[in-house]
């Protein structure tokens, strides 16, 4: 057998290195919903009629950021003393941005206004995405190394972890609501963005 082939075979047999904390990247996707119109007010009205529905109240919004988060966790209750340790926690995070998109071509002047409006919306939703990523990083930092005494079956640690993560989740949701309140409030970036688009300011 040639030395090069032997080296490749040996490399394939070696165990892969364990994932390091922070050694992951989110998957970010963009989905669009269709709108139509021949003027800026018509396009914005179509946004109001076709925007995504969120929450229990099924409220329509201009754009939306959602995410799916799953974890690969490695618990160890063999360290001694009956304690359970969370050795590693690797997230799989998929962030989906939902944004409006005109169904057909727009006149040049309107297209330019739309491009500016769409870019502002995307930038706003990216902030929400950043808040979600920050939350996941905090979850990872809190999780890895978490130890619960007298937990040989690693059951108590799961309850403890769930309680701690609920707090981080609530903090992220509140930060998201606070950000929207400022952005859509008097003089906020999103309020100004909408007025500039609809009124051509």
N, C-alpha and C. Protein backbone atom coordinates (compact mmCIF):
# COMPACT_ATOMS: atom_id res chain seq x y z
N UNK A 1 0.85 -1.20 0.00
CA UNK A 1 0.00 0.00 0.00
C UNK A 1 0.89 1.25 0.00
N UNK A 2 0.52 2.22 -0.82
CA UNK A 2 1.32 3.44 -0.91
C UNK A 2 1.25 4.23 0.40
N UNK A 3 2.36 4.89 0.77
CA UNK A 3 2.39 5.64 2.03
C UNK A 3 1.28 6.69 2.12
N UNK A 4 1.00 7.39 1.01
CA UNK A 4 -0.01 8.45 1.03
C UNK A 4 -1.38 7.87 1.35
N UNK A 5 -1.70 6.70 0.75
CA UNK A 5 -3.00 6.07 1.00
C UNK A 5 -3.08 5.61 2.45
N UNK A 6 -1.97 5.06 2.96
CA UNK A 6 -1.94 4.59 4.34
C UNK A 6 -2.19 5.75 5.31
N UNK A 7 -1.58 6.90 5.03
CA UNK A 7 -1.76 8.05 5.89
C UNK A 7 -3.21 8.52 5.90
N UNK A 8 -3.86 8.48 4.73
CA UNK A 8 -5.26 8.88 4.64
C UNK A 8 -6.15 7.94 5.43
N UNK A 9 -5.86 6.65 5.35
CA UNK A 9 -6.64 5.66 6.10
C UNK A 9 -6.47 5.84 7.60
N UNK A 10 -5.23 6.08 8.03
CA UNK A 10 -4.97 6.29 9.44
C UNK A 10 -5.66 7.55 9.96
N UNK A 11 -5.66 8.61 9.13
CA UNK A 11 -6.31 9.86 9.52
C UNK A 11 -7.81 9.66 9.67
N UNK A 12 -8.41 8.86 8.79
CA UNK A 12 -9.84 8.62 8.86
C UNK A 12 -10.22 7.83 10.11
N UNK A 13 -9.27 7.03 10.64
CA UNK A 13 -9.55 6.20 11.80
C UNK A 13 -9.40 6.95 13.12
N UNK A 14 -8.72 8.11 13.08
CA UNK A 14 -8.50 8.87 14.31
C UNK A 14 -9.80 9.49 14.78
N UNK A 15 -10.03 9.54 16.09
CA UNK A 15 -11.25 10.17 16.60
C UNK A 15 -11.22 11.67 16.32
N UNK A 16 -12.40 12.21 16.00
CA UNK A 16 -12.47 13.64 15.71
C UNK A 16 -12.29 14.43 17.00
N UNK A 17 -11.76 15.63 16.87
CA UNK A 17 -11.54 16.47 18.04
C UNK A 17 -12.87 16.93 18.60
N UNK A 18 -13.01 17.01 19.92
CA UNK A 18 -14.27 17.47 20.51
C UNK A 18 -14.53 18.92 20.15
N UNK A 19 -15.81 19.25 19.99
CA UNK A 19 -16.18 20.61 19.64
C UNK A 19 -15.83 21.55 20.79
N UNK A 20 -15.25 22.68 20.48
CA UNK A 20 -14.90 23.65 21.49
C UNK A 20 -16.06 24.62 21.69
N UNK A 21 -16.13 25.19 22.89
CA UNK A 21 -17.17 26.17 23.16
C UNK A 21 -17.05 27.33 22.18
N UNK A 22 -18.15 27.73 21.61
CA UNK A 22 -18.15 28.81 20.63
C UNK A 22 -17.79 28.36 19.23
N UNK A 23 -17.51 27.07 19.05
CA UNK A 23 -17.10 26.56 17.74
C UNK A 23 -18.33 26.15 16.93
N UNK A 24 -19.16 27.16 16.61
CA UNK A 24 -20.36 26.92 15.83
C UNK A 24 -20.79 28.22 15.17
N UNK A 25 -21.61 28.10 14.17
CA UNK A 25 -22.13 29.28 13.48
C UNK A 25 -23.63 29.09 13.24
N UNK A 26 -24.40 30.16 13.38
CA UNK A 26 -25.82 30.04 13.10
C UNK A 26 -26.07 29.93 11.59
N UNK A 27 -27.17 29.31 11.25
CA UNK A 27 -27.65 29.30 9.87
C UNK A 27 -28.69 30.41 9.76
N UNK A 28 -28.48 31.33 8.84
CA UNK A 28 -29.41 32.44 8.67
C UNK A 28 -30.07 32.35 7.30
N UNK A 29 -31.41 32.38 7.30
CA UNK A 29 -32.17 32.25 6.06
C UNK A 29 -33.12 33.45 5.92
N UNK A 30 -33.44 33.74 4.67
CA UNK A 30 -34.41 34.80 4.39
C UNK A 30 -35.58 34.20 3.63
N UNK A 31 -36.78 34.42 4.15
CA UNK A 31 -38.00 34.05 3.45
C UNK A 31 -38.76 35.32 3.13
N UNK A 32 -39.51 35.32 2.05
CA UNK A 32 -40.23 36.52 1.64
C UNK A 32 -41.73 36.21 1.50
N UNK A 33 -42.52 37.25 1.65
CA UNK A 33 -43.94 37.15 1.34
C UNK A 33 -44.27 38.17 0.27
N UNK A 34 -45.21 37.84 -0.58
CA UNK A 34 -45.50 38.63 -1.78
C UNK A 34 -46.37 39.84 -1.45
N UNK A 35 -46.00 40.98 -2.04
CA UNK A 35 -46.83 42.18 -1.97
C UNK A 35 -46.92 42.76 -3.38
N UNK A 36 -47.88 43.66 -3.59
CA UNK A 36 -48.04 44.26 -4.91
C UNK A 36 -48.48 45.71 -4.76
N UNK A 37 -48.30 46.47 -5.83
CA UNK A 37 -48.69 47.87 -5.84
C UNK A 37 -47.89 48.65 -6.88
N UNK A 38 -48.44 49.79 -7.27
CA UNK A 38 -47.77 50.63 -8.28
C UNK A 38 -47.24 51.93 -7.68
N UNK A 39 -47.55 52.16 -6.41
CA UNK A 39 -47.06 53.35 -5.70
C UNK A 39 -46.57 52.91 -4.32
N UNK A 40 -45.83 53.79 -3.67
CA UNK A 40 -45.34 53.46 -2.33
C UNK A 40 -46.48 53.22 -1.35
N UNK A 41 -47.53 54.09 -1.33
CA UNK A 41 -48.64 53.81 -0.42
C UNK A 41 -49.33 52.48 -0.71
N UNK A 42 -49.45 52.12 -1.99
CA UNK A 42 -50.08 50.84 -2.33
C UNK A 42 -49.22 49.67 -1.85
N UNK A 43 -47.92 49.77 -2.03
CA UNK A 43 -47.02 48.70 -1.57
C UNK A 43 -47.10 48.55 -0.05
N UNK A 44 -47.11 49.69 0.66
CA UNK A 44 -47.16 49.61 2.12
C UNK A 44 -48.50 49.07 2.59
N UNK A 45 -49.57 49.42 1.89
CA UNK A 45 -50.89 48.87 2.23
C UNK A 45 -50.88 47.35 2.03
N UNK A 46 -50.21 46.89 0.98
CA UNK A 46 -50.12 45.46 0.72
C UNK A 46 -49.31 44.75 1.81
N UNK A 47 -48.30 45.45 2.31
CA UNK A 47 -47.53 44.92 3.46
C UNK A 47 -48.46 44.69 4.64
N UNK A 48 -49.32 45.67 4.91
CA UNK A 48 -50.24 45.56 6.02
C UNK A 48 -51.25 44.44 5.85
N UNK A 49 -51.58 44.13 4.60
CA UNK A 49 -52.57 43.09 4.32
C UNK A 49 -51.96 41.69 4.29
N UNK A 50 -50.67 41.60 3.98
CA UNK A 50 -50.05 40.29 3.75
C UNK A 50 -48.91 39.94 4.68
N UNK A 51 -48.54 40.85 5.59
CA UNK A 51 -47.43 40.59 6.49
C UNK A 51 -47.65 39.37 7.36
N UNK A 52 -46.59 38.81 7.90
CA UNK A 52 -46.71 37.60 8.72
C UNK A 52 -47.53 37.83 9.98
N UNK A 53 -48.27 36.82 10.38
CA UNK A 53 -49.07 36.85 11.59
C UNK A 53 -48.25 36.27 12.74
N UNK A 54 -48.20 36.97 13.86
CA UNK A 54 -47.41 36.49 14.99
C UNK A 54 -48.22 36.55 16.28
N UNK A 55 -47.80 35.75 17.24
CA UNK A 55 -48.41 35.76 18.56
C UNK A 55 -49.79 35.14 18.59
N UNK A 56 -50.31 35.02 19.80
CA UNK A 56 -51.64 34.45 19.98
C UNK A 56 -52.72 35.33 19.38
N UNK A 57 -52.46 36.63 19.33
CA UNK A 57 -53.44 37.55 18.76
C UNK A 57 -53.42 37.58 17.24
N UNK A 58 -52.43 36.87 16.66
CA UNK A 58 -52.29 36.82 15.19
C UNK A 58 -52.20 38.24 14.61
N UNK A 59 -51.36 39.03 15.20
CA UNK A 59 -51.14 40.39 14.75
C UNK A 59 -50.22 40.39 13.53
N UNK A 60 -50.58 41.18 12.53
CA UNK A 60 -49.73 41.28 11.34
C UNK A 60 -48.59 42.27 11.58
N UNK A 61 -47.42 41.90 11.10
CA UNK A 61 -46.25 42.76 11.23
C UNK A 61 -45.60 42.95 9.87
N UNK A 62 -44.76 43.96 9.77
CA UNK A 62 -44.08 44.26 8.50
C UNK A 62 -43.05 43.18 8.18
N UNK A 63 -42.30 42.77 9.18
CA UNK A 63 -41.24 41.77 9.02
C UNK A 63 -41.12 41.01 10.34
N UNK A 64 -40.43 39.90 10.29
CA UNK A 64 -40.37 39.06 11.49
C UNK A 64 -39.09 38.23 11.49
N UNK A 65 -38.55 38.00 12.69
CA UNK A 65 -37.39 37.14 12.86
C UNK A 65 -37.77 36.00 13.80
N UNK A 66 -37.58 34.78 13.32
CA UNK A 66 -37.90 33.61 14.11
C UNK A 66 -36.66 32.72 14.17
N UNK A 67 -36.65 31.78 15.12
CA UNK A 67 -35.50 30.89 15.19
C UNK A 67 -35.89 29.52 15.70
N UNK A 68 -35.07 28.54 15.33
CA UNK A 68 -35.20 27.17 15.84
C UNK A 68 -33.87 26.81 16.48
N UNK A 69 -33.92 26.37 17.73
CA UNK A 69 -32.70 26.07 18.47
C UNK A 69 -32.78 24.67 19.06
N UNK A 70 -31.80 23.85 18.73
CA UNK A 70 -31.67 22.53 19.33
C UNK A 70 -30.25 22.38 19.87
N UNK A 71 -30.07 21.42 20.78
CA UNK A 71 -28.77 21.25 21.43
C UNK A 71 -28.32 19.80 21.40
N UNK A 72 -27.01 19.63 21.31
CA UNK A 72 -26.37 18.34 21.57
C UNK A 72 -25.60 18.50 22.88
N UNK A 73 -26.08 17.81 23.92
CA UNK A 73 -25.48 17.96 25.24
C UNK A 73 -24.85 16.65 25.70
N UNK A 74 -23.73 16.76 26.39
CA UNK A 74 -23.02 15.59 26.91
C UNK A 74 -22.94 15.70 28.43
N UNK A 75 -23.76 14.89 29.10
CA UNK A 75 -23.77 14.86 30.56
C UNK A 75 -22.85 13.75 31.06
N UNK A 76 -22.21 13.98 32.21
CA UNK A 76 -21.29 12.98 32.78
C UNK A 76 -21.54 12.85 34.28
N UNK A 77 -21.99 11.66 34.70
CA UNK A 77 -22.17 11.41 36.13
C UNK A 77 -21.15 10.40 36.65
N UNK A 78 -20.04 10.28 35.91
CA UNK A 78 -18.99 9.33 36.30
C UNK A 78 -17.79 10.01 36.93
N UNK A 79 -17.92 11.32 37.19
CA UNK A 79 -16.78 12.07 37.71
C UNK A 79 -16.49 11.74 39.16
N UNK A 80 -17.44 11.13 39.85
CA UNK A 80 -17.22 10.79 41.26
C UNK A 80 -18.05 11.66 42.18
N UNK A 81 -18.35 11.11 43.34
CA UNK A 81 -19.10 11.87 44.32
C UNK A 81 -20.58 11.97 44.03
N UNK A 82 -21.04 11.29 43.00
CA UNK A 82 -22.46 11.32 42.66
C UNK A 82 -22.92 12.57 41.95
N UNK A 83 -21.98 13.46 41.60
CA UNK A 83 -22.35 14.70 40.92
C UNK A 83 -22.51 14.46 39.42
N UNK A 84 -23.31 15.33 38.78
CA UNK A 84 -23.45 15.30 37.33
C UNK A 84 -22.89 16.60 36.76
N UNK A 85 -22.11 16.47 35.70
CA UNK A 85 -21.48 17.63 35.06
C UNK A 85 -21.93 17.68 33.60
N UNK A 86 -22.29 18.87 33.15
CA UNK A 86 -22.59 19.07 31.74
C UNK A 86 -21.28 19.40 31.03
N UNK A 87 -20.71 18.42 30.36
CA UNK A 87 -19.37 18.56 29.78
C UNK A 87 -19.37 19.44 28.53
N UNK A 88 -20.40 19.30 27.70
CA UNK A 88 -20.43 20.09 26.47
C UNK A 88 -21.87 20.36 26.07
N UNK A 89 -22.07 21.46 25.38
CA UNK A 89 -23.39 21.83 24.89
C UNK A 89 -23.20 22.54 23.56
N UNK A 90 -23.53 21.85 22.48
CA UNK A 90 -23.32 22.41 21.14
C UNK A 90 -24.67 22.77 20.52
N UNK A 91 -24.89 24.06 20.20
CA UNK A 91 -26.17 24.46 19.64
C UNK A 91 -26.25 24.30 18.13
N UNK A 92 -27.46 24.09 17.66
CA UNK A 92 -27.76 24.20 16.23
C UNK A 92 -28.85 25.27 16.12
N UNK A 93 -28.47 26.41 15.60
CA UNK A 93 -29.35 27.57 15.56
C UNK A 93 -29.68 27.94 14.12
N UNK A 94 -30.97 27.98 13.82
CA UNK A 94 -31.44 28.42 12.50
C UNK A 94 -32.30 29.66 12.69
N UNK A 95 -31.86 30.77 12.13
CA UNK A 95 -32.60 32.03 12.22
C UNK A 95 -33.25 32.31 10.87
N UNK A 96 -34.53 32.62 10.89
CA UNK A 96 -35.25 32.90 9.66
C UNK A 96 -35.81 34.32 9.70
N UNK A 97 -35.42 35.11 8.72
CA UNK A 97 -35.93 36.47 8.57
C UNK A 97 -37.04 36.46 7.52
N UNK A 98 -38.21 36.98 7.86
CA UNK A 98 -39.32 37.06 6.91
C UNK A 98 -39.51 38.51 6.51
N UNK A 99 -39.39 38.78 5.22
CA UNK A 99 -39.40 40.15 4.70
C UNK A 99 -40.33 40.25 3.49
N UNK A 100 -40.87 41.44 3.22
CA UNK A 100 -41.74 41.61 2.05
C UNK A 100 -40.94 41.70 0.76
N UNK A 101 -41.60 41.28 -0.33
CA UNK A 101 -40.97 41.36 -1.66
C UNK A 101 -42.03 41.62 -2.72
N UNK A 102 -41.88 42.69 -3.51
CA UNK A 102 -42.83 42.96 -4.58
C UNK A 102 -42.87 41.81 -5.60
N UNK A 103 -44.07 41.53 -6.12
CA UNK A 103 -44.21 40.40 -7.05
C UNK A 103 -43.71 40.73 -8.44
N UNK A 104 -43.68 42.00 -8.80
CA UNK A 104 -43.26 42.36 -10.15
C UNK A 104 -42.30 43.53 -10.16
N UNK A 105 -41.82 43.89 -11.35
CA UNK A 105 -40.89 45.02 -11.47
C UNK A 105 -41.56 46.33 -11.08
N UNK A 106 -40.77 47.25 -10.54
CA UNK A 106 -41.26 48.56 -10.15
C UNK A 106 -40.62 49.64 -11.01
N UNK A 107 -41.29 50.77 -11.20
CA UNK A 107 -40.66 51.88 -11.90
C UNK A 107 -39.35 52.27 -11.21
N UNK A 108 -38.43 52.81 -11.97
CA UNK A 108 -37.08 53.07 -11.46
C UNK A 108 -37.08 53.89 -10.16
N UNK A 109 -37.85 54.97 -10.13
CA UNK A 109 -37.87 55.81 -8.94
C UNK A 109 -38.43 55.09 -7.73
N UNK A 110 -39.51 54.34 -7.96
CA UNK A 110 -40.12 53.59 -6.87
C UNK A 110 -39.21 52.45 -6.41
N UNK A 111 -38.50 51.84 -7.37
CA UNK A 111 -37.58 50.76 -7.02
C UNK A 111 -36.48 51.26 -6.09
N UNK A 112 -35.98 52.45 -6.35
CA UNK A 112 -34.93 53.02 -5.52
C UNK A 112 -35.45 53.25 -4.10
N UNK A 113 -36.68 53.80 -4.01
CA UNK A 113 -37.27 54.02 -2.69
C UNK A 113 -37.50 52.68 -1.98
N UNK A 114 -37.96 51.70 -2.75
CA UNK A 114 -38.21 50.38 -2.15
C UNK A 114 -36.91 49.75 -1.65
N UNK A 115 -35.85 49.87 -2.43
CA UNK A 115 -34.56 49.29 -2.03
C UNK A 115 -34.09 49.86 -0.69
N UNK A 116 -34.24 51.17 -0.52
CA UNK A 116 -33.85 51.79 0.74
C UNK A 116 -34.72 51.30 1.90
N UNK A 117 -36.02 51.18 1.64
CA UNK A 117 -36.95 50.70 2.65
C UNK A 117 -36.64 49.25 3.03
N UNK A 118 -36.43 48.41 2.02
CA UNK A 118 -36.14 46.99 2.26
C UNK A 118 -34.83 46.82 3.02
N UNK A 119 -33.83 47.62 2.68
CA UNK A 119 -32.54 47.52 3.37
C UNK A 119 -32.68 47.91 4.84
N UNK A 120 -33.50 48.94 5.11
CA UNK A 120 -33.73 49.35 6.49
C UNK A 120 -34.45 48.28 7.29
N UNK A 121 -35.44 47.63 6.65
CA UNK A 121 -36.15 46.54 7.32
C UNK A 121 -35.20 45.38 7.65
N UNK A 122 -34.38 45.02 6.65
CA UNK A 122 -33.44 43.91 6.85
C UNK A 122 -32.46 44.22 7.98
N UNK A 123 -31.99 45.47 8.05
CA UNK A 123 -31.05 45.86 9.10
C UNK A 123 -31.72 45.77 10.47
N UNK A 124 -32.99 46.16 10.54
CA UNK A 124 -33.73 46.06 11.80
C UNK A 124 -33.84 44.61 12.25
N UNK A 125 -34.21 43.73 11.33
CA UNK A 125 -34.38 42.32 11.69
C UNK A 125 -33.04 41.67 12.05
N UNK A 126 -31.96 42.16 11.44
CA UNK A 126 -30.63 41.64 11.76
C UNK A 126 -30.27 41.90 13.23
N UNK A 127 -30.76 43.02 13.76
CA UNK A 127 -30.53 43.30 15.19
C UNK A 127 -31.21 42.23 16.04
N UNK A 128 -32.44 41.87 15.66
CA UNK A 128 -33.13 40.80 16.37
C UNK A 128 -32.33 39.49 16.27
N UNK A 129 -31.80 39.22 15.08
CA UNK A 129 -30.98 38.04 14.92
C UNK A 129 -29.76 38.06 15.81
N UNK A 130 -29.14 39.23 15.93
CA UNK A 130 -27.97 39.37 16.80
C UNK A 130 -28.33 39.14 18.26
N UNK A 131 -29.53 39.58 18.66
CA UNK A 131 -29.97 39.35 20.04
C UNK A 131 -30.15 37.85 20.31
N UNK A 132 -30.65 37.13 19.32
CA UNK A 132 -30.85 35.69 19.46
C UNK A 132 -29.50 34.98 19.57
N UNK A 133 -28.56 35.36 18.73
CA UNK A 133 -27.22 34.76 18.77
C UNK A 133 -26.57 35.03 20.12
N UNK A 134 -26.72 36.25 20.62
CA UNK A 134 -26.16 36.60 21.92
C UNK A 134 -26.77 35.73 23.02
N UNK A 135 -28.08 35.49 22.94
CA UNK A 135 -28.73 34.64 23.93
C UNK A 135 -28.17 33.22 23.90
N UNK A 136 -27.97 32.68 22.70
CA UNK A 136 -27.46 31.32 22.57
C UNK A 136 -26.03 31.23 23.11
N UNK A 137 -25.23 32.25 22.85
CA UNK A 137 -23.87 32.27 23.38
C UNK A 137 -23.88 32.29 24.91
N UNK A 138 -24.81 33.03 25.49
CA UNK A 138 -24.92 33.09 26.95
C UNK A 138 -25.39 31.75 27.50
N UNK A 139 -26.30 31.09 26.79
CA UNK A 139 -26.76 29.77 27.20
C UNK A 139 -25.59 28.79 27.20
N UNK A 140 -24.80 28.85 26.14
CA UNK A 140 -23.65 27.96 26.03
C UNK A 140 -22.67 28.19 27.19
N UNK A 141 -22.39 29.46 27.46
CA UNK A 141 -21.44 29.79 28.54
C UNK A 141 -21.96 29.33 29.90
N UNK A 142 -23.26 29.47 30.10
CA UNK A 142 -23.85 29.07 31.37
C UNK A 142 -23.91 27.54 31.50
N UNK A 143 -24.10 26.86 30.38
CA UNK A 143 -24.32 25.41 30.41
C UNK A 143 -23.05 24.61 30.65
N UNK A 144 -22.02 24.89 29.87
CA UNK A 144 -20.82 24.07 29.91
C UNK A 144 -20.14 24.18 31.27
N UNK A 145 -19.96 23.04 31.91
CA UNK A 145 -19.35 23.00 33.23
C UNK A 145 -20.34 23.05 34.38
N UNK A 146 -21.63 23.24 34.07
CA UNK A 146 -22.64 23.25 35.12
C UNK A 146 -22.60 21.92 35.87
N UNK A 147 -22.56 22.00 37.18
CA UNK A 147 -22.44 20.80 38.01
C UNK A 147 -23.53 20.80 39.08
N UNK A 148 -24.16 19.66 39.25
CA UNK A 148 -25.18 19.50 40.28
C UNK A 148 -24.79 18.30 41.14
N UNK A 149 -24.68 18.52 42.45
CA UNK A 149 -24.28 17.45 43.37
C UNK A 149 -25.41 16.44 43.58
N UNK A 150 -25.00 15.24 43.96
CA UNK A 150 -25.96 14.18 44.30
C UNK A 150 -26.98 13.98 43.18
N UNK A 151 -26.47 13.78 41.98
CA UNK A 151 -27.34 13.62 40.81
C UNK A 151 -26.78 12.52 39.91
N UNK A 152 -26.74 11.28 40.41
CA UNK A 152 -26.12 10.19 39.63
C UNK A 152 -26.82 9.88 38.32
N UNK A 153 -28.10 10.16 38.21
CA UNK A 153 -28.81 9.89 36.95
C UNK A 153 -28.92 11.10 36.04
N UNK A 154 -28.29 12.21 36.43
CA UNK A 154 -28.32 13.45 35.65
C UNK A 154 -29.75 13.91 35.35
N UNK A 155 -30.59 13.84 36.39
CA UNK A 155 -31.96 14.32 36.24
C UNK A 155 -32.13 15.71 36.84
N UNK A 156 -31.54 15.92 38.01
CA UNK A 156 -31.65 17.23 38.66
C UNK A 156 -31.04 18.33 37.80
N UNK A 157 -29.94 18.00 37.14
CA UNK A 157 -29.23 19.02 36.36
C UNK A 157 -30.08 19.53 35.19
N UNK A 158 -30.91 18.65 34.65
CA UNK A 158 -31.77 19.05 33.54
C UNK A 158 -32.83 20.04 34.00
N UNK A 159 -33.37 19.80 35.18
CA UNK A 159 -34.34 20.74 35.75
C UNK A 159 -33.69 22.07 36.06
N UNK A 160 -32.49 22.02 36.66
CA UNK A 160 -31.75 23.24 36.97
C UNK A 160 -31.43 24.03 35.71
N UNK A 161 -31.02 23.33 34.68
CA UNK A 161 -30.67 23.99 33.41
C UNK A 161 -31.90 24.64 32.79
N UNK A 162 -33.02 23.95 32.79
CA UNK A 162 -34.25 24.49 32.21
C UNK A 162 -34.65 25.79 32.90
N UNK A 163 -34.53 25.84 34.21
CA UNK A 163 -34.89 27.05 34.95
C UNK A 163 -33.97 28.21 34.59
N UNK A 164 -32.68 27.92 34.50
CA UNK A 164 -31.73 28.99 34.17
C UNK A 164 -31.93 29.50 32.74
N UNK A 165 -32.20 28.59 31.82
CA UNK A 165 -32.36 28.98 30.42
C UNK A 165 -33.65 29.76 30.20
N UNK A 166 -34.67 29.46 31.00
CA UNK A 166 -35.92 30.21 30.90
C UNK A 166 -35.69 31.69 31.20
N UNK A 167 -34.82 31.97 32.16
CA UNK A 167 -34.51 33.35 32.51
C UNK A 167 -33.82 34.07 31.34
N UNK A 168 -32.88 33.39 30.71
CA UNK A 168 -32.18 33.99 29.57
C UNK A 168 -33.14 34.21 28.41
N UNK A 169 -34.05 33.28 28.19
CA UNK A 169 -35.02 33.41 27.11
C UNK A 169 -35.93 34.61 27.35
N UNK A 170 -36.40 34.77 28.58
CA UNK A 170 -37.26 35.90 28.90
C UNK A 170 -36.53 37.23 28.74
N UNK A 171 -35.24 37.23 29.09
CA UNK A 171 -34.44 38.45 28.93
C UNK A 171 -34.32 38.82 27.46
N UNK A 172 -34.10 37.82 26.61
CA UNK A 172 -33.99 38.08 25.17
C UNK A 172 -35.31 38.60 24.60
N UNK A 173 -36.40 38.02 25.02
CA UNK A 173 -37.71 38.46 24.51
C UNK A 173 -38.01 39.89 24.93
N UNK A 174 -37.66 40.21 26.17
CA UNK A 174 -37.89 41.58 26.64
C UNK A 174 -37.02 42.57 25.88
N UNK A 175 -35.77 42.19 25.63
CA UNK A 175 -34.87 43.07 24.87
C UNK A 175 -35.41 43.29 23.46
N UNK A 176 -35.99 42.25 22.87
CA UNK A 176 -36.57 42.36 21.53
C UNK A 176 -37.76 43.32 21.53
N UNK A 177 -38.61 43.18 22.54
CA UNK A 177 -39.78 44.08 22.64
C UNK A 177 -39.34 45.52 22.88
N UNK A 178 -38.34 45.70 23.74
CA UNK A 178 -37.86 47.05 24.03
C UNK A 178 -37.27 47.70 22.78
N UNK A 179 -36.55 46.92 22.00
CA UNK A 179 -35.94 47.44 20.77
C UNK A 179 -37.03 47.88 19.79
N UNK A 180 -38.06 47.06 19.63
CA UNK A 180 -39.15 47.42 18.72
C UNK A 180 -39.89 48.66 19.20
N UNK A 181 -40.05 48.76 20.50
CA UNK A 181 -40.77 49.92 21.06
C UNK A 181 -40.05 51.22 20.71
N UNK A 182 -38.73 51.20 20.79
CA UNK A 182 -37.94 52.39 20.46
C UNK A 182 -37.95 52.63 18.95
N UNK A 183 -37.76 51.56 18.17
CA UNK A 183 -37.68 51.69 16.72
C UNK A 183 -38.98 52.21 16.11
N UNK A 184 -40.12 51.77 16.64
CA UNK A 184 -41.41 52.17 16.10
C UNK A 184 -42.01 53.35 16.86
N UNK A 185 -41.33 53.80 17.90
CA UNK A 185 -41.83 54.93 18.67
C UNK A 185 -41.60 56.25 17.96
N UNK A 186 -42.06 57.35 18.54
CA UNK A 186 -41.90 58.67 17.94
C UNK A 186 -40.43 58.97 17.62
N UNK A 187 -40.17 59.24 16.36
CA UNK A 187 -38.81 59.55 15.93
C UNK A 187 -37.90 58.36 15.80
N UNK A 188 -38.43 57.15 16.01
CA UNK A 188 -37.63 55.94 15.90
C UNK A 188 -37.23 55.62 14.47
N UNK A 189 -36.21 54.81 14.31
CA UNK A 189 -35.69 54.50 12.97
C UNK A 189 -36.75 53.90 12.05
N UNK A 190 -37.54 52.95 12.57
CA UNK A 190 -38.54 52.30 11.72
C UNK A 190 -39.68 53.24 11.40
N UNK A 191 -40.07 54.06 12.34
CA UNK A 191 -41.12 55.05 12.05
C UNK A 191 -40.67 56.00 10.94
N UNK A 192 -39.44 56.48 11.06
CA UNK A 192 -38.91 57.39 10.04
C UNK A 192 -38.74 56.68 8.70
N UNK A 193 -38.36 55.41 8.74
CA UNK A 193 -38.18 54.64 7.52
C UNK A 193 -39.51 54.50 6.78
N UNK A 194 -40.57 54.18 7.50
CA UNK A 194 -41.89 54.03 6.89
C UNK A 194 -42.36 55.36 6.31
N UNK A 195 -42.24 56.44 7.08
CA UNK A 195 -42.70 57.74 6.59
C UNK A 195 -41.92 58.19 5.36
N UNK A 196 -40.63 57.94 5.37
CA UNK A 196 -39.81 58.31 4.22
C UNK A 196 -40.22 57.55 2.97
N UNK A 197 -40.55 56.26 3.15
CA UNK A 197 -40.95 55.45 2.01
C UNK A 197 -42.32 55.85 1.49
N UNK A 198 -43.30 55.96 2.38
CA UNK A 198 -44.67 56.23 1.94
C UNK A 198 -44.82 57.66 1.42
N UNK A 199 -44.17 58.61 2.08
CA UNK A 199 -44.35 60.02 1.70
C UNK A 199 -43.27 60.52 0.74
N UNK A 200 -42.25 59.69 0.50
CA UNK A 200 -41.19 60.09 -0.42
C UNK A 200 -40.31 61.17 0.16
N UNK A 201 -40.15 61.14 1.49
CA UNK A 201 -39.32 62.18 2.13
C UNK A 201 -37.84 61.86 2.00
